[in-house]
Amino acid sequence: MSKIFTPTNQIRLTNVAVVRMKKGGKRFEIACYRNKVVSWRNKIETDIDEVLQTHTVFTNVSKGQVAKKEDLIKAFGKDDQTEVCKEILAKGELQVSDKERQSQHDSLFKDIATTVADKCVNPETKRPYPVSMIEKAMKDVHFSVKPNRNAKQQALDVIPLLKSNMPLERAQMRIKITLSGKEARRLQEKVAKLATSTESEHWEEGRLTMVCLIDPGHYREVDEIVRSETKGHGLLELMNLKEVTEGEETL
């Protein structure tokens, strides 16, 4: 059987995130585990072995070409592979493929739409919109996602744009829930975790009536808790909407 020749200065790696740095007129790269580079830079991950796939400095990770010792000394003043890796990790540029970039864009786009759906309602029906409808509306107004800003910040940006195209307002739902039986206290805790605030609670003969404010996006979840866990004996009533004025609440 014939053998496949692999040059000794080549290392093959797969599923790798590459951090690249140009110094001294040459390109240097290191091979890292996905999602670990940002954790290291934010000081969440402190174990270098969890970040680096190999303590090796490359000139080209994809081709497995290892940097020469004399090039490291010339560019970094040292040939300690781990120390050079740390410098590249700190100052280098994380390479992202077009496919990854598109995936991140799509994910962020959906997160923004989900945040809008969670915080807003159709004032005509007093109900939240499906996420898919918000996504379509965002495309219709040609909303451009900014990769360096989070979903909550961009949701605040897109809401005024959407208002010009569809009935939409930021609001909290004021709901009234009636629970009875020995499960009432346990269900009260579940609902309270989903509420932004509880306005009143009243116990009478083992029966609880509570009024609270929730984000529109949590309405279905609360409804499901009340219906399924009380076997139909609980009651959920939408009382009204409390409009959220600018500055009153941050997303």
C-alpha atoms as a PDB file:
ATOM      1  CA  MET A   1       0.000   0.000   0.000  1.00  0.00           C
ATOM      2  CA  SER A   2       1.390   3.386  -0.909  1.00  0.00           C
ATOM      3  CA  LYS A   3       1.950   5.917   1.884  1.00  0.00           C
ATOM      4  CA  ILE A   4       0.695   9.478   1.803  1.00  0.00           C
ATOM      5  CA  PHE A   5       3.573  11.882   2.312  1.00  0.00           C
ATOM      6  CA  THR A   6       2.950  14.727   4.733  1.00  0.00           C
ATOM      7  CA  PRO A   7       5.755  17.274   5.147  1.00  0.00           C
ATOM      8  CA  THR A   8       7.077  17.434   8.709  1.00  0.00           C
ATOM      9  CA  ASN A   9       6.452  21.186   8.926  1.00  0.00           C
ATOM     10  CA  GLN A  10       2.728  20.773   8.223  1.00  0.00           C
ATOM     11  CA  ILE A  11      -0.041  20.175  10.770  1.00  0.00           C
ATOM     12  CA  ARG A  12      -3.618  19.467   9.719  1.00  0.00           C
ATOM     13  CA  LEU A  13      -6.423  20.917  11.844  1.00  0.00           C
ATOM     14  CA  THR A  14     -10.178  20.874  11.409  1.00  0.00           C
ATOM     15  CA  ASN A  15     -13.109  22.873  12.853  1.00  0.00           C
ATOM     16  CA  VAL A  16     -10.747  25.665  13.739  1.00  0.00           C
ATOM     17  CA  ALA A  17     -11.096  29.374  14.471  1.00  0.00           C
ATOM     18  CA  VAL A  18      -8.090  31.339  13.193  1.00  0.00           C
ATOM     19  CA  VAL A  19      -6.606  34.479  14.768  1.00  0.00           C
ATOM     20  CA  ARG A  20      -4.282  36.313  12.371  1.00  0.00           C
ATOM     21  CA  MET A  21      -1.649  38.984  12.935  1.00  0.00           C
ATOM     22  CA  LYS A  22       0.773  40.718  10.587  1.00  0.00           C
ATOM     23  CA  LYS A  23       4.099  41.741  12.070  1.00  0.00           C
ATOM     24  CA  GLY A  24       7.548  42.400  10.676  1.00  0.00           C
ATOM     25  CA  GLY A  25       6.187  42.099   7.146  1.00  0.00           C
ATOM     26  CA  LYS A  26       4.983  38.538   7.718  1.00  0.00           C
ATOM     27  CA  ARG A  27       1.670  36.889   8.517  1.00  0.00           C
ATOM     28  CA  PHE A  28       1.290  34.776  11.646  1.00  0.00           C
ATOM     29  CA  GLU A  29      -1.739  32.697  12.624  1.00  0.00           C
ATOM     30  CA  ILE A  30      -2.851  30.555  15.545  1.00  0.00           C
ATOM     31  CA  ALA A  31      -5.498  27.843  15.660  1.00  0.00           C
ATOM     32  CA  CYS A  32      -8.135  28.245  18.367  1.00  0.00           C
ATOM     33  CA  TYR A  33     -11.327  26.530  19.459  1.00  0.00           C
ATOM     34  CA  ARG A  34     -14.524  28.217  18.331  1.00  0.00           C
ATOM     35  CA  ASN A  35     -16.233  30.500  20.882  1.00  0.00           C
ATOM     36  CA  LYS A  36     -13.132  30.506  23.107  1.00  0.00           C
ATOM     37  CA  VAL A  37     -11.308  33.518  21.661  1.00  0.00           C
ATOM     38  CA  VAL A  38     -13.910  36.021  22.872  1.00  0.00           C
ATOM     39  CA  SER A  39     -14.118  34.256  26.260  1.00  0.00           C
ATOM     40  CA  TRP A  40     -10.338  34.600  26.654  1.00  0.00           C
ATOM     41  CA  ARG A  41     -10.366  38.275  25.680  1.00  0.00           C
ATOM     42  CA  ASN A  42     -13.190  38.937  28.152  1.00  0.00           C
ATOM     43  CA  LYS A  43     -11.208  37.073  30.837  1.00  0.00           C
ATOM     44  CA  ILE A  44     -13.994  34.497  31.229  1.00  0.00           C
ATOM     45  CA  GLU A  45     -11.706  31.695  30.059  1.00  0.00           C
ATOM     46  CA  THR A  46      -8.304  31.679  31.775  1.00  0.00           C
ATOM     47  CA  ASP A  47      -6.908  28.296  30.716  1.00  0.00           C
ATOM     48  CA  ILE A  48      -4.878  28.798  27.527  1.00  0.00           C
ATOM     49  CA  ASP A  49      -5.175  25.068  26.742  1.00  0.00           C
ATOM     50  CA  GLU A  50      -8.940  25.521  26.419  1.00  0.00           C
ATOM     51  CA  VAL A  51      -8.394  28.242  23.804  1.00  0.00           C
ATOM     52  CA  LEU A  52      -5.518  26.959  21.649  1.00  0.00           C
ATOM     53  CA  GLN A  53      -5.901  23.832  19.556  1.00  0.00           C
ATOM     54  CA  THR A  54      -2.105  23.621  19.535  1.00  0.00           C
ATOM     55  CA  HIS A  55       0.661  25.773  21.033  1.00  0.00           C
ATOM     56  CA  THR A  56       2.015  26.392  17.547  1.00  0.00           C
ATOM     57  CA  VAL A  57       2.400  29.548  15.499  1.00  0.00           C
ATOM     58  CA  PHE A  58       1.604  29.155  11.800  1.00  0.00           C
ATOM     59  CA  THR A  59       2.104  31.212   8.684  1.00  0.00           C
ATOM     60  CA  ASN A  60      -1.014  29.547   7.284  1.00  0.00           C
ATOM     61  CA  VAL A  61      -3.288  27.428   9.475  1.00  0.00           C
ATOM     62  CA  SER A  62      -5.423  26.044   6.639  1.00  0.00           C
ATOM     63  CA  LYS A  63      -2.350  24.717   4.844  1.00  0.00           C
ATOM     64  CA  GLY A  64      -0.715  23.598   8.079  1.00  0.00           C
ATOM     65  CA  GLN A  65       2.399  25.690   7.459  1.00  0.00           C
ATOM     66  CA  VAL A  66       4.348  26.312  10.679  1.00  0.00           C
ATOM     67  CA  ALA A  67       6.191  29.610  11.246  1.00  0.00           C
ATOM     68  CA  LYS A  68       9.985  29.457  11.304  1.00  0.00           C
ATOM     69  CA  LYS A  69      11.830  30.030  14.570  1.00  0.00           C
ATOM     70  CA  GLU A  70      13.969  32.835  13.113  1.00  0.00           C
ATOM     71  CA  ASP A  71      10.831  34.649  11.844  1.00  0.00           C
ATOM     72  CA  LEU A  72       9.293  34.541  15.340  1.00  0.00           C
ATOM     73  CA  ILE A  73      12.466  35.965  16.914  1.00  0.00           C
ATOM     74  CA  LYS A  74      12.654  38.716  14.277  1.00  0.00           C
ATOM     75  CA  ALA A  75       8.980  39.723  14.641  1.00  0.00           C
ATOM     76  CA  PHE A  76       8.307  39.090  18.336  1.00  0.00           C
ATOM     77  CA  GLY A  77      11.786  39.049  19.882  1.00  0.00           C
ATOM     78  CA  LYS A  78      11.197  35.544  21.225  1.00  0.00           C
ATOM     79  CA  ASP A  79      10.522  32.023  20.019  1.00  0.00           C
ATOM     80  CA  ASP A  80       8.447  30.764  22.960  1.00  0.00           C
ATOM     81  CA  GLN A  81       5.434  29.412  21.036  1.00  0.00           C
ATOM     82  CA  THR A  82       2.937  29.804  23.887  1.00  0.00           C
ATOM     83  CA  GLU A  83       3.954  33.394  24.665  1.00  0.00           C
ATOM     84  CA  VAL A  84       3.764  34.351  20.981  1.00  0.00           C
ATOM     85  CA  CYS A  85       0.358  32.639  20.762  1.00  0.00           C
ATOM     86  CA  LYS A  86      -0.860  34.771  23.681  1.00  0.00           C
ATOM     87  CA  GLU A  87       0.315  37.971  21.972  1.00  0.00           C
ATOM     88  CA  ILE A  88      -1.430  37.021  18.733  1.00  0.00           C
ATOM     89  CA  LEU A  89      -4.537  36.053  20.728  1.00  0.00           C
ATOM     90  CA  ALA A  90      -4.581  39.474  22.404  1.00  0.00           C
ATOM     91  CA  LYS A  91      -3.829  41.676  19.388  1.00  0.00           C
ATOM     92  CA  GLY A  92      -4.690  39.602  16.321  1.00  0.00           C
ATOM     93  CA  GLU A  93      -7.814  39.623  14.180  1.00  0.00           C
ATOM     94  CA  LEU A  94     -10.288  36.763  14.496  1.00  0.00           C
ATOM     95  CA  GLN A  95     -11.034  35.391  11.039  1.00  0.00           C
ATOM     96  CA  VAL A  96     -14.670  34.671  10.226  1.00  0.00           C
ATOM     97  CA  SER A  97     -15.768  32.856   7.071  1.00  0.00           C
ATOM     98  CA  ASP A  98     -18.533  34.241   4.856  1.00  0.00           C
ATOM     99  CA  LYS A  99     -20.753  31.332   5.899  1.00  0.00           C
ATOM    100  CA  GLU A 100     -20.173  32.025   9.607  1.00  0.00           C
ATOM    101  CA  ARG A 101     -20.703  35.755   9.108  1.00  0.00           C
ATOM    102  CA  GLN A 102     -24.029  35.114   7.343  1.00  0.00           C
ATOM    103  CA  SER A 103     -25.090  32.688  10.079  1.00  0.00           C
ATOM    104  CA  GLN A 104     -24.275  35.260  12.782  1.00  0.00           C
ATOM    105  CA  HIS A 105     -26.167  37.940  10.818  1.00  0.00           C
ATOM    106  CA  ASP A 106     -29.260  35.725  10.464  1.00  0.00           C
ATOM    107  CA  SER A 107     -29.168  34.790  14.142  1.00  0.00           C
ATOM    108  CA  LEU A 108     -28.876  38.433  15.255  1.00  0.00           C
ATOM    109  CA  PHE A 109     -31.670  39.471  12.851  1.00  0.00           C
ATOM    110  CA  LYS A 110     -33.971  36.879  14.444  1.00  0.00           C
ATOM    111  CA  ASP A 111     -32.945  37.915  17.981  1.00  0.00           C
ATOM    112  CA  ILE A 112     -33.869  41.535  17.193  1.00  0.00           C
ATOM    113  CA  ALA A 113     -37.263  40.483  15.787  1.00  0.00           C
ATOM    114  CA  THR A 114     -37.891  38.268  18.840  1.00  0.00           C
ATOM    115  CA  THR A 115     -37.087  41.156  21.200  1.00  0.00           C
ATOM    116  CA  VAL A 116     -39.526  43.433  19.338  1.00  0.00           C
ATOM    117  CA  ALA A 117     -42.230  40.734  19.440  1.00  0.00           C
ATOM    118  CA  ASP A 118     -41.648  40.289  23.180  1.00  0.00           C
ATOM    119  CA  LYS A 119     -41.968  44.001  23.940  1.00  0.00           C
ATOM    120  CA  CYS A 120     -44.631  45.240  21.522  1.00  0.00           C
ATOM    121  CA  VAL A 121     -48.247  44.639  20.579  1.00  0.00           C
ATOM    122  CA  ASN A 122     -50.657  45.420  17.796  1.00  0.00           C
ATOM    123  CA  PRO A 123     -52.728  48.208  19.441  1.00  0.00           C
ATOM    124  CA  GLU A 124     -55.765  47.202  17.360  1.00  0.00           C
ATOM    125  CA  THR A 125     -55.891  43.578  18.531  1.00  0.00           C
ATOM    126  CA  LYS A 126     -54.042  44.115  21.843  1.00  0.00           C
ATOM    127  CA  ARG A 127     -51.952  41.057  21.033  1.00  0.00           C
ATOM    128  CA  PRO A 128     -48.279  40.520  20.166  1.00  0.00           C
ATOM    129  CA  TYR A 129     -47.227  39.853  16.594  1.00  0.00           C
ATOM    130  CA  PRO A 130     -45.616  36.548  15.564  1.00  0.00           C
ATOM    131  CA  VAL A 131     -41.821  36.814  15.232  1.00  0.00           C
ATOM    132  CA  SER A 132     -42.068  35.873  11.543  1.00  0.00           C
ATOM    133  CA  MET A 133     -44.285  38.904  10.873  1.00  0.00           C
ATOM    134  CA  ILE A 134     -41.818  41.221  12.632  1.00  0.00           C
ATOM    135  CA  GLU A 135     -38.972  39.725  10.559  1.00  0.00           C
ATOM    136  CA  LYS A 136     -40.896  40.389   7.329  1.00  0.00           C
ATOM    137  CA  ALA A 137     -41.626  43.963   8.412  1.00  0.00           C
ATOM    138  CA  MET A 138     -37.934  44.522   9.225  1.00  0.00           C
ATOM    139  CA  LYS A 139     -37.037  43.374   5.704  1.00  0.00           C
ATOM    140  CA  ASP A 140     -39.740  45.620   4.220  1.00  0.00           C
ATOM    141  CA  VAL A 141     -38.206  48.706   5.883  1.00  0.00           C
ATOM    142  CA  HIS A 142     -34.718  47.515   4.803  1.00  0.00           C
ATOM    143  CA  PHE A 143     -33.399  47.423   8.361  1.00  0.00           C
ATOM    144  CA  SER A 144     -29.649  46.924   8.361  1.00  0.00           C
ATOM    145  CA  VAL A 145     -28.251  44.788  11.178  1.00  0.00           C
ATOM    146  CA  LYS A 146     -25.105  46.088  12.898  1.00  0.00           C
ATOM    147  CA  PRO A 147     -22.931  43.139  13.966  1.00  0.00           C
ATOM    148  CA  ASN A 148     -21.196  45.066  16.760  1.00  0.00           C
ATOM    149  CA  ARG A 149     -24.409  46.041  18.595  1.00  0.00           C
ATOM    150  CA  ASN A 150     -26.595  43.698  20.608  1.00  0.00           C
ATOM    151  CA  ALA A 151     -30.180  42.712  19.807  1.00  0.00           C
ATOM    152  CA  LYS A 152     -31.792  44.808  22.557  1.00  0.00           C
ATOM    153  CA  GLN A 153     -30.089  48.016  21.407  1.00  0.00           C
ATOM    154  CA  GLN A 154     -31.093  47.403  17.789  1.00  0.00           C
ATOM    155  CA  ALA A 155     -34.662  46.518  18.736  1.00  0.00           C
ATOM    156  CA  LEU A 156     -34.973  50.069  20.119  1.00  0.00           C
ATOM    157  CA  ASP A 157     -33.708  51.382  16.773  1.00  0.00           C
ATOM    158  CA  VAL A 158     -36.078  49.354  14.618  1.00  0.00           C
ATOM    159  CA  ILE A 159     -39.343  49.941  16.534  1.00  0.00           C
ATOM    160  CA  PRO A 160     -39.812  53.553  15.253  1.00  0.00           C
ATOM    161  CA  LEU A 161     -39.132  52.350  11.688  1.00  0.00           C
ATOM    162  CA  LEU A 162     -41.703  49.568  11.979  1.00  0.00           C
ATOM    163  CA  LYS A 163     -44.313  51.963  13.348  1.00  0.00           C
ATOM    164  CA  SER A 164     -44.344  53.750   9.985  1.00  0.00           C
ATOM    165  CA  ASN A 165     -45.290  50.472   8.302  1.00  0.00           C
ATOM    166  CA  MET A 166     -47.592  48.724  10.758  1.00  0.00           C
ATOM    167  CA  PRO A 167     -49.656  49.395  13.897  1.00  0.00           C
ATOM    168  CA  LEU A 168     -47.179  48.793  16.710  1.00  0.00           C
ATOM    169  CA  GLU A 169     -46.664  50.058  20.213  1.00  0.00           C
ATOM    170  CA  ARG A 170     -44.486  49.153  23.123  1.00  0.00           C
ATOM    171  CA  ALA A 171     -46.642  47.973  25.961  1.00  0.00           C
ATOM    172  CA  GLN A 172     -46.919  45.789  29.020  1.00  0.00           C
ATOM    173  CA  MET A 173     -49.937  43.547  29.401  1.00  0.00           C
ATOM    174  CA  ARG A 174     -51.843  43.915  32.668  1.00  0.00           C
ATOM    175  CA  ILE A 175     -53.254  40.489  33.469  1.00  0.00           C
ATOM    176  CA  LYS A 176     -55.394  39.064  36.249  1.00  0.00           C
ATOM    177  CA  ILE A 177     -54.877  35.457  37.289  1.00  0.00           C
ATOM    178  CA  THR A 178     -57.071  33.424  39.587  1.00  0.00           C
ATOM    179  CA  LEU A 179     -55.639  30.205  41.026  1.00  0.00           C
ATOM    180  CA  SER A 180     -57.030  27.810  43.586  1.00  0.00           C
ATOM    181  CA  GLY A 181     -56.075  24.576  45.298  1.00  0.00           C
ATOM    182  CA  LYS A 182     -52.812  23.389  46.830  1.00  0.00           C
ATOM    183  CA  GLU A 183     -50.891  24.161  43.606  1.00  0.00           C
ATOM    184  CA  ALA A 184     -51.729  27.873  43.768  1.00  0.00           C
ATOM    185  CA  ARG A 185     -48.565  28.948  45.629  1.00  0.00           C
ATOM    186  CA  ARG A 186     -46.258  26.973  43.334  1.00  0.00           C
ATOM    187  CA  LEU A 187     -47.939  28.414  40.234  1.00  0.00           C
ATOM    188  CA  GLN A 188     -47.800  31.887  41.766  1.00  0.00           C
ATOM    189  CA  GLU A 189     -43.991  31.618  41.912  1.00  0.00           C
ATOM    190  CA  LYS A 190     -43.840  30.474  38.272  1.00  0.00           C
ATOM    191  CA  VAL A 191     -45.971  33.376  37.070  1.00  0.00           C
ATOM    192  CA  ALA A 192     -44.095  35.893  39.246  1.00  0.00           C
ATOM    193  CA  LYS A 193     -40.809  34.918  37.546  1.00  0.00           C
ATOM    194  CA  LEU A 194     -42.306  35.800  34.147  1.00  0.00           C
ATOM    195  CA  ALA A 195     -43.879  39.075  35.329  1.00  0.00           C
ATOM    196  CA  THR A 196     -42.052  42.399  35.180  1.00  0.00           C
ATOM    197  CA  SER A 197     -43.965  43.483  38.285  1.00  0.00           C
ATOM    198  CA  THR A 198     -46.781  42.245  40.507  1.00  0.00           C
ATOM    199  CA  GLU A 199     -49.346  44.940  41.286  1.00  0.00           C
ATOM    200  CA  SER A 200     -51.478  43.026  43.789  1.00  0.00           C
ATOM    201  CA  GLU A 201     -51.993  39.637  45.401  1.00  0.00           C
ATOM    202  CA  HIS A 202     -55.053  38.619  47.347  1.00  0.00           C
ATOM    203  CA  TRP A 203     -55.670  35.313  49.131  1.00  0.00           C
ATOM    204  CA  GLU A 204     -59.160  34.283  50.204  1.00  0.00           C
ATOM    205  CA  GLU A 205     -60.154  30.788  51.314  1.00  0.00           C
ATOM    206  CA  GLY A 206     -57.231  29.172  49.500  1.00  0.00           C
ATOM    207  CA  ARG A 207     -57.925  31.107  46.329  1.00  0.00           C
ATOM    208  CA  LEU A 208     -55.339  33.512  44.929  1.00  0.00           C
ATOM    209  CA  THR A 209     -56.079  36.496  42.731  1.00  0.00           C
ATOM    210  CA  MET A 210     -53.040  38.320  41.391  1.00  0.00           C
ATOM    211  CA  VAL A 211     -52.671  41.264  39.029  1.00  0.00           C
ATOM    212  CA  CYS A 212     -49.337  41.712  37.309  1.00  0.00           C
ATOM    213  CA  LEU A 213     -47.615  43.238  34.301  1.00  0.00           C
ATOM    214  CA  ILE A 214     -45.895  41.024  31.746  1.00  0.00           C
ATOM    215  CA  ASP A 215     -44.084  41.487  28.460  1.00  0.00           C
ATOM    216  CA  PRO A 216     -46.423  40.583  25.564  1.00  0.00           C
ATOM    217  CA  GLY A 217     -44.025  37.841  24.540  1.00  0.00           C
ATOM    218  CA  HIS A 218     -44.687  35.982  27.801  1.00  0.00           C
ATOM    219  CA  TYR A 219     -48.489  35.934  27.441  1.00  0.00           C
ATOM    220  CA  ARG A 220     -48.654  32.518  25.770  1.00  0.00           C
ATOM    221  CA  GLU A 221     -46.302  30.998  28.337  1.00  0.00           C
ATOM    222  CA  VAL A 222     -48.399  32.300  31.248  1.00  0.00           C
ATOM    223  CA  ASP A 223     -51.572  31.118  29.496  1.00  0.00           C
ATOM    224  CA  GLU A 224     -50.053  27.646  29.065  1.00  0.00           C
ATOM    225  CA  ILE A 225     -49.096  27.478  32.768  1.00  0.00           C
ATOM    226  CA  VAL A 226     -52.576  28.483  33.900  1.00  0.00           C
ATOM    227  CA  ARG A 227     -54.417  26.157  31.504  1.00  0.00           C
ATOM    228  CA  SER A 228     -52.285  23.032  31.729  1.00  0.00           C
ATOM    229  CA  GLU A 229     -51.220  23.048  35.368  1.00  0.00           C
ATOM    230  CA  THR A 230     -54.612  23.905  36.875  1.00  0.00           C
ATOM    231  CA  LYS A 231     -56.477  21.359  34.726  1.00  0.00           C
ATOM    232  CA  GLY A 232     -58.710  24.157  33.490  1.00  0.00           C
ATOM    233  CA  HIS A 233     -59.604  25.478  36.969  1.00  0.00           C
ATOM    234  CA  GLY A 234     -57.356  28.541  36.750  1.00  0.00           C
ATOM    235  CA  LEU A 235     -58.422  31.762  35.076  1.00  0.00           C
ATOM    236  CA  LEU A 236     -56.330  34.220  33.040  1.00  0.00           C
ATOM    237  CA  GLU A 237     -57.810  37.543  32.030  1.00  0.00           C
ATOM    238  CA  LEU A 238     -56.218  40.337  29.994  1.00  0.00           C
ATOM    239  CA  MET A 239     -57.306  43.518  31.741  1.00  0.00           C
ATOM    240  CA  ASN A 240     -55.635  46.200  29.623  1.00  0.00           C
ATOM    241  CA  LEU A 241     -52.371  47.412  28.191  1.00  0.00           C
ATOM    242  CA  LYS A 242     -49.975  49.750  29.930  1.00  0.00           C
ATOM    243  CA  GLU A 243     -48.166  51.819  27.331  1.00  0.00           C
ATOM    244  CA  VAL A 244     -44.438  52.112  27.778  1.00  0.00           C
ATOM    245  CA  THR A 245     -43.283  55.654  27.185  1.00  0.00           C
ATOM    246  CA  GLU A 246     -39.793  56.485  26.028  1.00  0.00           C
ATOM    247  CA  GLY A 247     -37.320  56.299  28.885  1.00  0.00           C
ATOM    248  CA  GLU A 248     -39.765  54.605  31.277  1.00  0.00           C
ATOM    249  CA  GLU A 249     -38.330  51.189  30.582  1.00  0.00           C
ATOM    250  CA  THR A 250     -35.179  49.980  28.876  1.00  0.00           C
ATOM    251  CA  LEU A 251     -35.447  46.930  26.691  1.00  0.00           C
END
